[in-house]
Amino acid sequence: MTTCKLLLSFALGAALLTSASAFAGENSSCHFHGSKPAEEATVLQCAAKRIEMLISRGKIDAAWKGKRHDTVEVVEAKTGKEWKLTYSDPQAKDATKTKLYLYFTQVGNFLAANHSGK
């Protein structure tokens, strides 16, 4: 019986160690803790993932997929500094949606997306 428990414990431990979530780092999930500001490259990767998610949920038009950012800047907001990314689609069907703005906390967590820039 002891050998069986030992083997079961070993198998469970191996399963946990080899699961994707066990190896998922901050960059893989785009969810960050702490206070260290994110690198621009990290924010851009997370923005691309967020755009794909917004498209899949029908929140934004599929034309935004693969668009290259126009600007990346750190701006002062009510709650502190935030990343603000701007994308353009001059051929957008709706003239009020030619720009897409994505906002992230300074550490890299997604805050909001809109077409107004506010």
PDB file of N, CA and C in Angstrom:
ATOM      1  N   MET A   1       0.814  -1.196   0.000  1.00  0.00           N
ATOM      2  CA  MET A   1       0.000   0.000   0.000  1.00  0.00           C
ATOM      3  C   MET A   1       0.858   1.260   0.000  1.00  0.00           C
ATOM      4  N   THR A   2       1.955   1.251   0.700  1.00  0.00           N
ATOM      5  CA  THR A   2       2.843   2.398   0.760  1.00  0.00           C
ATOM      6  C   THR A   2       3.450   2.685  -0.608  1.00  0.00           C
ATOM      7  N   THR A   3       3.809   1.636  -1.339  1.00  0.00           N
ATOM      8  CA  THR A   3       4.363   1.800  -2.681  1.00  0.00           C
ATOM      9  C   THR A   3       3.340   2.433  -3.606  1.00  0.00           C
ATOM     10  N   CYS A   4       2.085   2.041  -3.464  1.00  0.00           N
ATOM     11  CA  CYS A   4       1.016   2.605  -4.294  1.00  0.00           C
ATOM     12  C   CYS A   4       0.857   4.095  -4.029  1.00  0.00           C
ATOM     13  N   LYS A   5       0.870   4.486  -2.753  1.00  0.00           N
ATOM     14  CA  LYS A   5       0.750   5.904  -2.400  1.00  0.00           C
ATOM     15  C   LYS A   5       1.938   6.698  -2.917  1.00  0.00           C
ATOM     16  N   LEU A   6       3.120   6.094  -2.816  1.00  0.00           N
ATOM     17  CA  LEU A   6       4.330   6.750  -3.287  1.00  0.00           C
ATOM     18  C   LEU A   6       4.261   6.972  -4.799  1.00  0.00           C
ATOM     19  N   LEU A   7       3.835   5.948  -5.525  1.00  0.00           N
ATOM     20  CA  LEU A   7       3.712   6.070  -6.981  1.00  0.00           C
ATOM     21  C   LEU A   7       2.650   7.097  -7.365  1.00  0.00           C
ATOM     22  N   LEU A   8       1.548   7.102  -6.648  1.00  0.00           N
ATOM     23  CA  LEU A   8       0.476   8.069  -6.914  1.00  0.00           C
ATOM     24  C   LEU A   8       0.966   9.490  -6.651  1.00  0.00           C
ATOM     25  N   SER A   9       1.677   9.682  -5.557  1.00  0.00           N
ATOM     26  CA  SER A   9       2.228  11.009  -5.240  1.00  0.00           C
ATOM     27  C   SER A   9       3.219  11.450  -6.308  1.00  0.00           C
ATOM     28  N   PHE A  10       4.069  10.526  -6.739  1.00  0.00           N
ATOM     29  CA  PHE A  10       5.039  10.839  -7.782  1.00  0.00           C
ATOM     30  C   PHE A  10       4.342  11.230  -9.085  1.00  0.00           C
ATOM     31  N   ALA A  11       3.325  10.466  -9.470  1.00  0.00           N
ATOM     32  CA  ALA A  11       2.595  10.741 -10.709  1.00  0.00           C
ATOM     33  C   ALA A  11       1.897  12.096 -10.645  1.00  0.00           C
ATOM     34  N   LEU A  12       1.295  12.399  -9.502  1.00  0.00           N
ATOM     35  CA  LEU A  12       0.619  13.688  -9.343  1.00  0.00           C
ATOM     36  C   LEU A  12       1.614  14.833  -9.412  1.00  0.00           C
ATOM     37  N   GLY A  13       2.746  14.673  -8.747  1.00  0.00           N
ATOM     38  CA  GLY A  13       3.789  15.700  -8.788  1.00  0.00           C
ATOM     39  C   GLY A  13       4.315  15.918 -10.198  1.00  0.00           C
ATOM     40  N   ALA A  14       4.536  14.824 -10.921  1.00  0.00           N
ATOM     41  CA  ALA A  14       5.022  14.938 -12.302  1.00  0.00           C
ATOM     42  C   ALA A  14       4.001  15.636 -13.185  1.00  0.00           C
ATOM     43  N   ALA A  15       2.736  15.336 -12.981  1.00  0.00           N
ATOM     44  CA  ALA A  15       1.681  15.979 -13.775  1.00  0.00           C
ATOM     45  C   ALA A  15       1.644  17.479 -13.514  1.00  0.00           C
ATOM     46  N   LEU A  16       1.788  17.856 -12.263  1.00  0.00           N
ATOM     47  CA  LEU A  16       1.783  19.281 -11.930  1.00  0.00           C
ATOM     48  C   LEU A  16       2.994  19.998 -12.512  1.00  0.00           C
ATOM     49  N   LEU A  17       4.135  19.376 -12.461  1.00  0.00           N
ATOM     50  CA  LEU A  17       5.347  20.003 -12.969  1.00  0.00           C
ATOM     51  C   LEU A  17       5.347  20.153 -14.485  1.00  0.00           C
ATOM     52  N   THR A  18       4.671  19.263 -15.165  1.00  0.00           N
ATOM     53  CA  THR A  18       4.697  19.323 -16.623  1.00  0.00           C
ATOM     54  C   THR A  18       3.502  20.054 -17.209  1.00  0.00           C
ATOM     55  N   SER A  19       2.594  20.511 -16.378  1.00  0.00           N
ATOM     56  CA  SER A  19       1.433  21.224 -16.916  1.00  0.00           C
ATOM     57  C   SER A  19       1.855  22.602 -17.397  1.00  0.00           C
ATOM     58  N   ALA A  20       1.152  23.109 -18.372  1.00  0.00           N
ATOM     59  CA  ALA A  20       1.471  24.420 -18.937  1.00  0.00           C
ATOM     60  C   ALA A  20       1.337  25.518 -17.906  1.00  0.00           C
ATOM     61  N   SER A  21       0.353  25.413 -17.029  1.00  0.00           N
ATOM     62  CA  SER A  21       0.162  26.467 -16.048  1.00  0.00           C
ATOM     63  C   SER A  21       1.293  26.523 -15.032  1.00  0.00           C
ATOM     64  N   ALA A  22       1.932  25.394 -14.783  1.00  0.00           N
ATOM     65  CA  ALA A  22       3.043  25.405 -13.843  1.00  0.00           C
ATOM     66  C   ALA A  22       4.231  26.178 -14.400  1.00  0.00           C
ATOM     67  N   PHE A  23       4.400  26.178 -15.720  1.00  0.00           N
ATOM     68  CA  PHE A  23       5.496  26.889 -16.341  1.00  0.00           C
ATOM     69  C   PHE A  23       5.103  28.266 -16.846  1.00  0.00           C
ATOM     70  N   ALA A  24       3.847  28.622 -16.757  1.00  0.00           N
ATOM     71  CA  ALA A  24       3.397  29.907 -17.287  1.00  0.00           C
ATOM     72  C   ALA A  24       3.998  31.022 -16.462  1.00  0.00           C
ATOM     73  N   GLY A  25       4.782  31.851 -17.121  1.00  0.00           N
ATOM     74  CA  GLY A  25       5.373  33.002 -16.451  1.00  0.00           C
ATOM     75  C   GLY A  25       4.477  34.204 -16.623  1.00  0.00           C
ATOM     76  N   GLU A  26       4.927  35.318 -16.098  1.00  0.00           N
ATOM     77  CA  GLU A  26       4.150  36.548 -16.202  1.00  0.00           C
ATOM     78  C   GLU A  26       3.849  36.893 -17.659  1.00  0.00           C
ATOM     79  N   ASN A  27       4.842  36.726 -18.503  1.00  0.00           N
ATOM     80  CA  ASN A  27       4.689  37.146 -19.894  1.00  0.00           C
ATOM     81  C   ASN A  27       3.702  36.285 -20.676  1.00  0.00           C
ATOM     82  N   SER A  28       3.499  35.042 -20.251  1.00  0.00           N
ATOM     83  CA  SER A  28       2.634  34.173 -21.026  1.00  0.00           C
ATOM     84  C   SER A  28       1.159  34.496 -20.820  1.00  0.00           C
ATOM     85  N   SER A  29       0.809  35.014 -19.653  1.00  0.00           N
ATOM     86  CA  SER A  29      -0.600  35.257 -19.376  1.00  0.00           C
ATOM     87  C   SER A  29      -0.972  36.726 -19.476  1.00  0.00           C
ATOM     88  N   CYS A  30       0.004  37.584 -19.543  1.00  0.00           N
ATOM     89  CA  CYS A  30      -0.225  39.032 -19.564  1.00  0.00           C
ATOM     90  C   CYS A  30      -0.970  39.484 -18.317  1.00  0.00           C
ATOM     91  N   HIS A  31      -0.667  38.851 -17.213  1.00  0.00           N
ATOM     92  CA  HIS A  31      -1.183  39.268 -15.909  1.00  0.00           C
ATOM     93  C   HIS A  31       0.025  39.385 -14.994  1.00  0.00           C
ATOM     94  N   PHE A  32       0.229  40.564 -14.452  1.00  0.00           N
ATOM     95  CA  PHE A  32       1.460  40.840 -13.720  1.00  0.00           C
ATOM     96  C   PHE A  32       1.174  41.301 -12.302  1.00  0.00           C
ATOM     97  N   HIS A  33       2.112  41.017 -11.408  1.00  0.00           N
ATOM     98  CA  HIS A  33       2.045  41.457 -10.023  1.00  0.00           C
ATOM     99  C   HIS A  33       3.311  42.251  -9.730  1.00  0.00           C
ATOM    100  N   GLY A  34       3.287  42.988  -8.670  1.00  0.00           N
ATOM    101  CA  GLY A  34       4.458  43.754  -8.285  1.00  0.00           C
ATOM    102  C   GLY A  34       4.369  45.176  -8.783  1.00  0.00           C
ATOM    103  N   SER A  35       5.487  45.868  -8.736  1.00  0.00           N
ATOM    104  CA  SER A  35       5.491  47.272  -9.124  1.00  0.00           C
ATOM    105  C   SER A  35       6.518  47.592 -10.205  1.00  0.00           C
ATOM    106  N   LYS A  36       7.215  46.591 -10.693  1.00  0.00           N
ATOM    107  CA  LYS A  36       8.225  46.821 -11.730  1.00  0.00           C
ATOM    108  C   LYS A  36       7.531  47.171 -13.043  1.00  0.00           C
ATOM    109  N   PRO A  37       7.853  48.335 -13.630  1.00  0.00           N
ATOM    110  CA  PRO A  37       7.240  48.710 -14.908  1.00  0.00           C
ATOM    111  C   PRO A  37       7.556  47.683 -15.999  1.00  0.00           C
ATOM    112  N   ALA A  38       6.568  47.416 -16.818  1.00  0.00           N
ATOM    113  CA  ALA A  38       6.733  46.463 -17.918  1.00  0.00           C
ATOM    114  C   ALA A  38       7.608  47.060 -19.009  1.00  0.00           C
ATOM    115  N   GLU A  39       8.279  46.205 -19.722  1.00  0.00           N
ATOM    116  CA  GLU A  39       9.043  46.620 -20.896  1.00  0.00           C
ATOM    117  C   GLU A  39       8.062  46.907 -22.031  1.00  0.00           C
ATOM    118  N   GLU A  40       8.420  47.806 -22.908  1.00  0.00           N
ATOM    119  CA  GLU A  40       7.554  48.145 -24.047  1.00  0.00           C
ATOM    120  C   GLU A  40       7.240  46.917 -24.890  1.00  0.00           C
ATOM    121  N   ALA A  41       8.229  46.072 -25.131  1.00  0.00           N
ATOM    122  CA  ALA A  41       8.015  44.868 -25.940  1.00  0.00           C
ATOM    123  C   ALA A  41       6.971  43.952 -25.309  1.00  0.00           C
ATOM    124  N   THR A  42       6.972  43.858 -23.984  1.00  0.00           N
ATOM    125  CA  THR A  42       5.997  43.022 -23.282  1.00  0.00           C
ATOM    126  C   THR A  42       4.596  43.582 -23.464  1.00  0.00           C
ATOM    127  N   VAL A  43       4.461  44.896 -23.329  1.00  0.00           N
ATOM    128  CA  VAL A  43       3.156  45.538 -23.484  1.00  0.00           C
ATOM    129  C   VAL A  43       2.647  45.349 -24.916  1.00  0.00           C
ATOM    130  N   LEU A  44       3.523  45.458 -25.900  1.00  0.00           N
ATOM    131  CA  LEU A  44       3.114  45.262 -27.296  1.00  0.00           C
ATOM    132  C   LEU A  44       2.643  43.833 -27.544  1.00  0.00           C
ATOM    133  N   GLN A  45       3.313  42.852 -26.953  1.00  0.00           N
ATOM    134  CA  GLN A  45       2.879  41.459 -27.096  1.00  0.00           C
ATOM    135  C   GLN A  45       1.521  41.249 -26.450  1.00  0.00           C
ATOM    136  N   CYS A  46       1.339  41.821 -25.282  1.00  0.00           N
ATOM    137  CA  CYS A  46       0.057  41.688 -24.588  1.00  0.00           C
ATOM    138  C   CYS A  46      -1.049  42.413 -25.357  1.00  0.00           C
ATOM    139  N   ALA A  47      -0.727  43.522 -25.980  1.00  0.00           N
ATOM    140  CA  ALA A  47      -1.714  44.262 -26.768  1.00  0.00           C
ATOM    141  C   ALA A  47      -2.171  43.428 -27.966  1.00  0.00           C
ATOM    142  N   ALA A  48      -1.242  42.764 -28.627  1.00  0.00           N
ATOM    143  CA  ALA A  48      -1.612  41.917 -29.764  1.00  0.00           C
ATOM    144  C   ALA A  48      -2.548  40.795 -29.316  1.00  0.00           C
ATOM    145  N   LYS A  49      -2.252  40.191 -28.170  1.00  0.00           N
ATOM    146  CA  LYS A  49      -3.128  39.142 -27.632  1.00  0.00           C
ATOM    147  C   LYS A  49      -4.499  39.714 -27.274  1.00  0.00           C
ATOM    148  N   ARG A  50      -4.503  40.897 -26.686  1.00  0.00           N
ATOM    149  CA  ARG A  50      -5.767  41.520 -26.278  1.00  0.00           C
ATOM    150  C   ARG A  50      -6.615  41.869 -27.485  1.00  0.00           C
ATOM    151  N   ILE A  51      -5.994  42.364 -28.544  1.00  0.00           N
ATOM    152  CA  ILE A  51      -6.742  42.681 -29.768  1.00  0.00           C
ATOM    153  C   ILE A  51      -7.394  41.421 -30.318  1.00  0.00           C
ATOM    154  N   GLU A  52      -6.655  40.320 -30.363  1.00  0.00           N
ATOM    155  CA  GLU A  52      -7.233  39.061 -30.852  1.00  0.00           C
ATOM    156  C   GLU A  52      -8.402  38.624 -29.989  1.00  0.00           C
ATOM    157  N   MET A  53      -8.282  38.790 -28.675  1.00  0.00           N
ATOM    158  CA  MET A  53      -9.368  38.409 -27.786  1.00  0.00           C
ATOM    159  C   MET A  53     -10.589  39.312 -28.006  1.00  0.00           C
ATOM    160  N   LEU A  54     -10.368  40.605 -28.154  1.00  0.00           N
ATOM    161  CA  LEU A  54     -11.485  41.529 -28.391  1.00  0.00           C
ATOM    162  C   LEU A  54     -12.195  41.210 -29.709  1.00  0.00           C
ATOM    163  N   ILE A  55     -11.430  40.817 -30.712  1.00  0.00           N
ATOM    164  CA  ILE A  55     -12.017  40.425 -31.998  1.00  0.00           C
ATOM    165  C   ILE A  55     -12.847  39.154 -31.815  1.00  0.00           C
ATOM    166  N   SER A  56     -12.277  38.157 -31.131  1.00  0.00           N
ATOM    167  CA  SER A  56     -12.992  36.885 -30.960  1.00  0.00           C
ATOM    168  C   SER A  56     -14.281  37.048 -30.162  1.00  0.00           C
ATOM    169  N   ARG A  57     -14.331  38.047 -29.308  1.00  0.00           N
ATOM    170  CA  ARG A  57     -15.541  38.306 -28.513  1.00  0.00           C
ATOM    171  C   ARG A  57     -16.500  39.276 -29.191  1.00  0.00           C
ATOM    172  N   GLY A  58     -16.130  39.723 -30.394  1.00  0.00           N
ATOM    173  CA  GLY A  58     -17.007  40.613 -31.145  1.00  0.00           C
ATOM    174  C   GLY A  58     -17.022  42.049 -30.640  1.00  0.00           C
ATOM    175  N   LYS A  59     -16.031  42.423 -29.856  1.00  0.00           N
ATOM    176  CA  LYS A  59     -15.976  43.775 -29.297  1.00  0.00           C
ATOM    177  C   LYS A  59     -15.407  44.788 -30.288  1.00  0.00           C
ATOM    178  N   ILE A  60     -14.513  44.328 -31.143  1.00  0.00           N
ATOM    179  CA  ILE A  60     -13.947  45.193 -32.184  1.00  0.00           C
ATOM    180  C   ILE A  60     -13.959  44.443 -33.508  1.00  0.00           C
ATOM    181  N   ASP A  61     -13.861  45.185 -34.586  1.00  0.00           N
ATOM    182  CA  ASP A  61     -13.884  44.611 -35.932  1.00  0.00           C
ATOM    183  C   ASP A  61     -12.631  43.774 -36.185  1.00  0.00           C
ATOM    184  N   ALA A  62     -12.781  42.735 -36.960  1.00  0.00           N
ATOM    185  CA  ALA A  62     -11.661  41.840 -37.286  1.00  0.00           C
ATOM    186  C   ALA A  62     -10.563  42.539 -38.080  1.00  0.00           C
ATOM    187  N   ALA A  63     -10.856  43.687 -38.655  1.00  0.00           N
ATOM    188  CA  ALA A  63      -9.851  44.439 -39.417  1.00  0.00           C
ATOM    189  C   ALA A  63      -8.681  44.888 -38.543  1.00  0.00           C
ATOM    190  N   TRP A  64      -8.853  44.897 -37.219  1.00  0.00           N
ATOM    191  CA  TRP A  64      -7.779  45.319 -36.323  1.00  0.00           C
ATOM    192  C   TRP A  64      -6.708  44.244 -36.153  1.00  0.00           C
ATOM    193  N   LYS A  65      -6.995  43.025 -36.540  1.00  0.00           N
ATOM    194  CA  LYS A  65      -6.019  41.945 -36.382  1.00  0.00           C
ATOM    195  C   LYS A  65      -4.769  42.237 -37.205  1.00  0.00           C
ATOM    196  N   GLY A  66      -3.639  42.132 -36.560  1.00  0.00           N
ATOM    197  CA  GLY A  66      -2.360  42.308 -37.239  1.00  0.00           C
ATOM    198  C   GLY A  66      -1.957  43.751 -37.507  1.00  0.00           C
ATOM    199  N   LYS A  67      -2.762  44.697 -37.077  1.00  0.00           N
ATOM    200  CA  LYS A  67      -2.398  46.106 -37.284  1.00  0.00           C
ATOM    201  C   LYS A  67      -1.179  46.444 -36.427  1.00  0.00           C
ATOM    202  N   ARG A  68      -0.330  47.248 -36.988  1.00  0.00           N
ATOM    203  CA  ARG A  68       0.856  47.723 -36.266  1.00  0.00           C
ATOM    204  C   ARG A  68       0.485  48.990 -35.505  1.00  0.00           C
ATOM    205  N   HIS A  69       1.018  49.123 -34.318  1.00  0.00           N
ATOM    206  CA  HIS A  69       0.730  50.294 -33.496  1.00  0.00           C
ATOM    207  C   HIS A  69       1.311  51.564 -34.124  1.00  0.00           C
ATOM    208  N   ASP A  70       0.648  52.675 -33.881  1.00  0.00           N
ATOM    209  CA  ASP A  70       1.159  53.982 -34.310  1.00  0.00           C
ATOM    210  C   ASP A  70       2.068  54.566 -33.239  1.00  0.00           C
ATOM    211  N   THR A  71       1.564  54.563 -32.010  1.00  0.00           N
ATOM    212  CA  THR A  71       2.339  55.127 -30.907  1.00  0.00           C
ATOM    213  C   THR A  71       2.222  54.245 -29.671  1.00  0.00           C
ATOM    214  N   VAL A  72       3.263  54.313 -28.872  1.00  0.00           N
ATOM    215  CA  VAL A  72       3.292  53.677 -27.557  1.00  0.00           C
ATOM    216  C   VAL A  72       3.847  54.738 -26.617  1.00  0.00           C
ATOM    217  N   GLU A  73       3.069  55.052 -25.600  1.00  0.00           N
ATOM    218  CA  GLU A  73       3.534  56.076 -24.679  1.00  0.00           C
ATOM    219  C   GLU A  73       3.063  55.774 -23.263  1.00  0.00           C
ATOM    220  N   VAL A  74       3.770  56.339 -22.313  1.00  0.00           N
ATOM    221  CA  VAL A  74       3.351  56.269 -20.917  1.00  0.00           C
ATOM    222  C   VAL A  74       2.724  57.622 -20.610  1.00  0.00           C
ATOM    223  N   VAL A  75       1.481  57.593 -20.153  1.00  0.00           N
ATOM    224  CA  VAL A  75       0.741  58.820 -19.875  1.00  0.00           C
ATOM    225  C   VAL A  75       0.367  58.874 -18.394  1.00  0.00           C
ATOM    226  N   GLU A  76       0.123  60.071 -17.917  1.00  0.00           N
ATOM    227  CA  GLU A  76      -0.318  60.257 -16.541  1.00  0.00           C
ATOM    228  C   GLU A  76      -1.836  60.159 -16.511  1.00  0.00           C
ATOM    229  N   ALA A  77      -2.359  59.258 -15.695  1.00  0.00           N
ATOM    230  CA  ALA A  77      -3.802  59.064 -15.548  1.00  0.00           C
ATOM    231  C   ALA A  77      -4.198  59.406 -14.109  1.00  0.00           C
ATOM    232  N   LYS A  78      -5.472  59.309 -13.822  1.00  0.00           N
ATOM    233  CA  LYS A  78      -5.962  59.621 -12.469  1.00  0.00           C
ATOM    234  C   LYS A  78      -5.316  58.749 -11.406  1.00  0.00           C
ATOM    235  N   THR A  79      -5.065  57.481 -11.750  1.00  0.00           N
ATOM    236  CA  THR A  79      -4.516  56.545 -10.773  1.00  0.00           C
ATOM    237  C   THR A  79      -3.008  56.343 -10.903  1.00  0.00           C
ATOM    238  N   GLY A  80      -2.356  57.130 -11.714  1.00  0.00           N
ATOM    239  CA  GLY A  80      -0.915  56.997 -11.904  1.00  0.00           C
ATOM    240  C   GLY A  80      -0.571  56.846 -13.368  1.00  0.00           C
ATOM    241  N   LYS A  81       0.610  56.370 -13.632  1.00  0.00           N
ATOM    242  CA  LYS A  81       1.070  56.218 -15.012  1.00  0.00           C
ATOM    243  C   LYS A  81       0.475  54.972 -15.654  1.00  0.00           C
ATOM    244  N   GLU A  82       0.169  55.101 -16.939  1.00  0.00           N
ATOM    245  CA  GLU A  82      -0.387  54.000 -17.730  1.00  0.00           C
ATOM    246  C   GLU A  82       0.280  53.973 -19.095  1.00  0.00           C
ATOM    247  N   TRP A  83       0.295  52.792 -19.689  1.00  0.00           N
ATOM    248  CA  TRP A  83       0.687  52.649 -21.083  1.00  0.00           C
ATOM    249  C   TRP A  83      -0.525  52.972 -21.948  1.00  0.00           C
ATOM    250  N   LYS A  84      -0.316  53.740 -22.997  1.00  0.00           N
ATOM    251  CA  LYS A  84      -1.380  54.060 -23.969  1.00  0.00           C
ATOM    252  C   LYS A  84      -0.843  53.703 -25.350  1.00  0.00           C
ATOM    253  N   LEU A  85      -1.521  52.770 -26.015  1.00  0.00           N
ATOM    254  CA  LEU A  85      -1.131  52.354 -27.355  1.00  0.00           C
ATOM    255  C   LEU A  85      -2.198  52.818 -28.330  1.00  0.00           C
ATOM    256  N   THR A  86      -1.766  53.348 -29.451  1.00  0.00           N
ATOM    257  CA  THR A  86      -2.683  53.847 -30.468  1.00  0.00           C
ATOM    258  C   THR A  86      -2.472  53.081 -31.765  1.00  0.00           C
ATOM    259  N   TYR A  87      -3.585  52.669 -32.360  1.00  0.00           N
ATOM    260  CA  TYR A  87      -3.592  51.969 -33.644  1.00  0.00           C
ATOM    261  C   TYR A  87      -4.508  52.743 -34.588  1.00  0.00           C
ATOM    262  N   SER A  88      -4.239  52.658 -35.891  1.00  0.00           N
ATOM    263  CA  SER A  88      -5.070  53.350 -36.884  1.00  0.00           C
ATOM    264  C   SER A  88      -5.571  52.396 -37.939  1.00  0.00           C
ATOM    265  N   ASP A  89      -6.776  52.666 -38.408  1.00  0.00           N
ATOM    266  CA  ASP A  89      -7.360  51.966 -39.553  1.00  0.00           C
ATOM    267  C   ASP A  89      -8.133  53.009 -40.370  1.00  0.00           C
ATOM    268  N   PRO A  90      -7.446  53.726 -41.261  1.00  0.00           N
ATOM    269  CA  PRO A  90      -8.098  54.782 -42.038  1.00  0.00           C
ATOM    270  C   PRO A  90      -9.247  54.271 -42.908  1.00  0.00           C
ATOM    271  N   GLN A  91      -9.251  52.976 -43.219  1.00  0.00           N
ATOM    272  CA  GLN A  91     -10.309  52.402 -44.051  1.00  0.00           C
ATOM    273  C   GLN A  91     -11.476  51.843 -43.236  1.00  0.00           C
ATOM    274  N   ALA A  92     -11.544  52.149 -41.955  1.00  0.00           N
ATOM    275  CA  ALA A  92     -12.632  51.628 -41.115  1.00  0.00           C
ATOM    276  C   ALA A  92     -13.980  52.040 -41.693  1.00  0.00           C
ATOM    277  N   LYS A  93     -14.936  51.113 -41.641  1.00  0.00           N
ATOM    278  CA  LYS A  93     -16.278  51.368 -42.169  1.00  0.00           C
ATOM    279  C   LYS A  93     -16.970  52.492 -41.408  1.00  0.00           C
ATOM    280  N   ASP A  94     -16.732  52.550 -40.104  1.00  0.00           N
ATOM    281  CA  ASP A  94     -17.320  53.575 -39.252  1.00  0.00           C
ATOM    282  C   ASP A  94     -16.263  54.658 -39.014  1.00  0.00           C
ATOM    283  N   ALA A  95     -16.540  55.875 -39.430  1.00  0.00           N
ATOM    284  CA  ALA A  95     -15.580  56.969 -39.316  1.00  0.00           C
ATOM    285  C   ALA A  95     -15.205  57.272 -37.867  1.00  0.00           C
ATOM    286  N   THR A  96     -16.041  56.900 -36.919  1.00  0.00           N
ATOM    287  CA  THR A  96     -15.719  57.141 -35.507  1.00  0.00           C
ATOM    288  C   THR A  96     -14.809  56.058 -34.934  1.00  0.00           C
ATOM    289  N   LYS A  97     -14.476  55.061 -35.762  1.00  0.00           N
ATOM    290  CA  LYS A  97     -13.650  53.953 -35.287  1.00  0.00           C
ATOM    291  C   LYS A  97     -12.382  53.772 -36.119  1.00  0.00           C
ATOM    292  N   THR A  98     -11.796  54.878 -36.546  1.00  0.00           N
ATOM    293  CA  THR A  98     -10.551  54.806 -37.313  1.00  0.00           C
ATOM    294  C   THR A  98      -9.332  54.676 -36.408  1.00  0.00           C
ATOM    295  N   LYS A  99      -9.518  54.904 -35.127  1.00  0.00           N
ATOM    296  CA  LYS A  99      -8.432  54.762 -34.140  1.00  0.00           C
ATOM    297  C   LYS A  99      -8.867  53.755 -33.078  1.00  0.00           C
ATOM    298  N   LEU A 100      -7.905  53.012 -32.581  1.00  0.00           N
ATOM    299  CA  LEU A 100      -8.136  52.093 -31.470  1.00  0.00           C
ATOM    300  C   LEU A 100      -7.079  52.405 -30.418  1.00  0.00           C
ATOM    301  N   TYR A 101      -7.529  52.589 -29.185  1.00  0.00           N
ATOM    302  CA  TYR A 101      -6.644  52.889 -28.073  1.00  0.00           C
ATOM    303  C   TYR A 101      -6.720  51.754 -27.067  1.00  0.00           C
ATOM    304  N   LEU A 102      -5.566  51.280 -26.632  1.00  0.00           N
ATOM    305  CA  LEU A 102      -5.490  50.258 -25.596  1.00  0.00           C
ATOM    306  C   LEU A 102      -4.707  50.834 -24.427  1.00  0.00           C
ATOM    307  N   TYR A 103      -5.193  50.567 -23.226  1.00  0.00           N
ATOM    308  CA  TYR A 103      -4.564  51.068 -22.016  1.00  0.00           C
ATOM    309  C   TYR A 103      -4.154  49.915 -21.126  1.00  0.00           C
ATOM    310  N   PHE A 104      -2.956  50.019 -20.567  1.00  0.00           N
ATOM    311  CA  PHE A 104      -2.404  49.020 -19.661  1.00  0.00           C
ATOM    312  C   PHE A 104      -1.815  49.722 -18.445  1.00  0.00           C
ATOM    313  N   THR A 105      -1.844  49.045 -17.306  1.00  0.00           N
ATOM    314  CA  THR A 105      -1.171  49.597 -16.133  1.00  0.00           C
ATOM    315  C   THR A 105       0.317  49.675 -16.431  1.00  0.00           C
ATOM    316  N   GLN A 106       1.039  50.384 -15.605  1.00  0.00           N
ATOM    317  CA  GLN A 106       2.473  50.517 -15.832  1.00  0.00           C
ATOM    318  C   GLN A 106       3.193  49.173 -15.737  1.00  0.00           C
ATOM    319  N   VAL A 107       2.635  48.234 -14.955  1.00  0.00           N
ATOM    320  CA  VAL A 107       3.262  46.913 -14.857  1.00  0.00           C
ATOM    321  C   VAL A 107       2.832  45.983 -15.987  1.00  0.00           C
ATOM    322  N   GLY A 108       1.821  46.395 -16.782  1.00  0.00           N
ATOM    323  CA  GLY A 108       1.454  45.636 -17.974  1.00  0.00           C
ATOM    324  C   GLY A 108       0.091  44.992 -17.995  1.00  0.00           C
ATOM    325  N   ASN A 109      -0.748  45.225 -16.999  1.00  0.00           N
ATOM    326  CA  ASN A 109      -2.085  44.631 -16.985  1.00  0.00           C
ATOM    327  C   ASN A 109      -3.055  45.466 -17.821  1.00  0.00           C
ATOM    328  N   PHE A 110      -3.887  44.790 -18.593  1.00  0.00           N
ATOM    329  CA  PHE A 110      -4.859  45.462 -19.451  1.00  0.00           C
ATOM    330  C   PHE A 110      -5.881  46.219 -18.607  1.00  0.00           C
ATOM    331  N   LEU A 111      -6.194  47.437 -19.047  1.00  0.00           N
ATOM    332  CA  LEU A 111      -7.201  48.253 -18.375  1.00  0.00           C
ATOM    333  C   LEU A 111      -8.446  48.461 -19.244  1.00  0.00           C
ATOM    334  N   ALA A 112      -8.244  48.917 -20.486  1.00  0.00           N
ATOM    335  CA  ALA A 112      -9.389  49.264 -21.317  1.00  0.00           C
ATOM    336  C   ALA A 112      -8.981  49.401 -22.775  1.00  0.00           C
ATOM    337  N   ALA A 113      -9.998  49.356 -23.618  1.00  0.00           N
ATOM    338  CA  ALA A 113      -9.828  49.620 -25.052  1.00  0.00           C
ATOM    339  C   ALA A 113     -11.009  50.468 -25.495  1.00  0.00           C
ATOM    340  N   ASN A 114     -10.735  51.447 -26.348  1.00  0.00           N
ATOM    341  CA  ASN A 114     -11.829  52.260 -26.871  1.00  0.00           C
ATOM    342  C   ASN A 114     -11.406  52.934 -28.171  1.00  0.00           C
ATOM    343  N   HIS A 115     -12.350  53.611 -28.785  1.00  0.00           N
ATOM    344  CA  HIS A 115     -12.064  54.320 -30.025  1.00  0.00           C
ATOM    345  C   HIS A 115     -11.992  55.832 -29.801  1.00  0.00           C
ATOM    346  N   SER A 116     -12.206  56.267 -28.571  1.00  0.00           N
ATOM    347  CA  SER A 116     -12.248  57.712 -28.292  1.00  0.00           C
ATOM    348  C   SER A 116     -10.910  58.265 -27.793  1.00  0.00           C
ATOM    349  N   GLY A 117     -10.088  57.432 -27.207  1.00  0.00           N
ATOM    350  CA  GLY A 117      -8.825  57.914 -26.679  1.00  0.00           C
ATOM    351  C   GLY A 117      -8.952  58.527 -25.302  1.00  0.00           C
ATOM    352  N   LYS A 118     -10.085  58.329 -24.675  1.00  0.00           N
ATOM    353  CA  LYS A 118     -10.310  58.900 -23.333  1.00  0.00           C
ATOM    354  C   LYS A 118     -10.409  57.801 -22.306  1.00  0.00           C
TER     355      LYS A 118
END
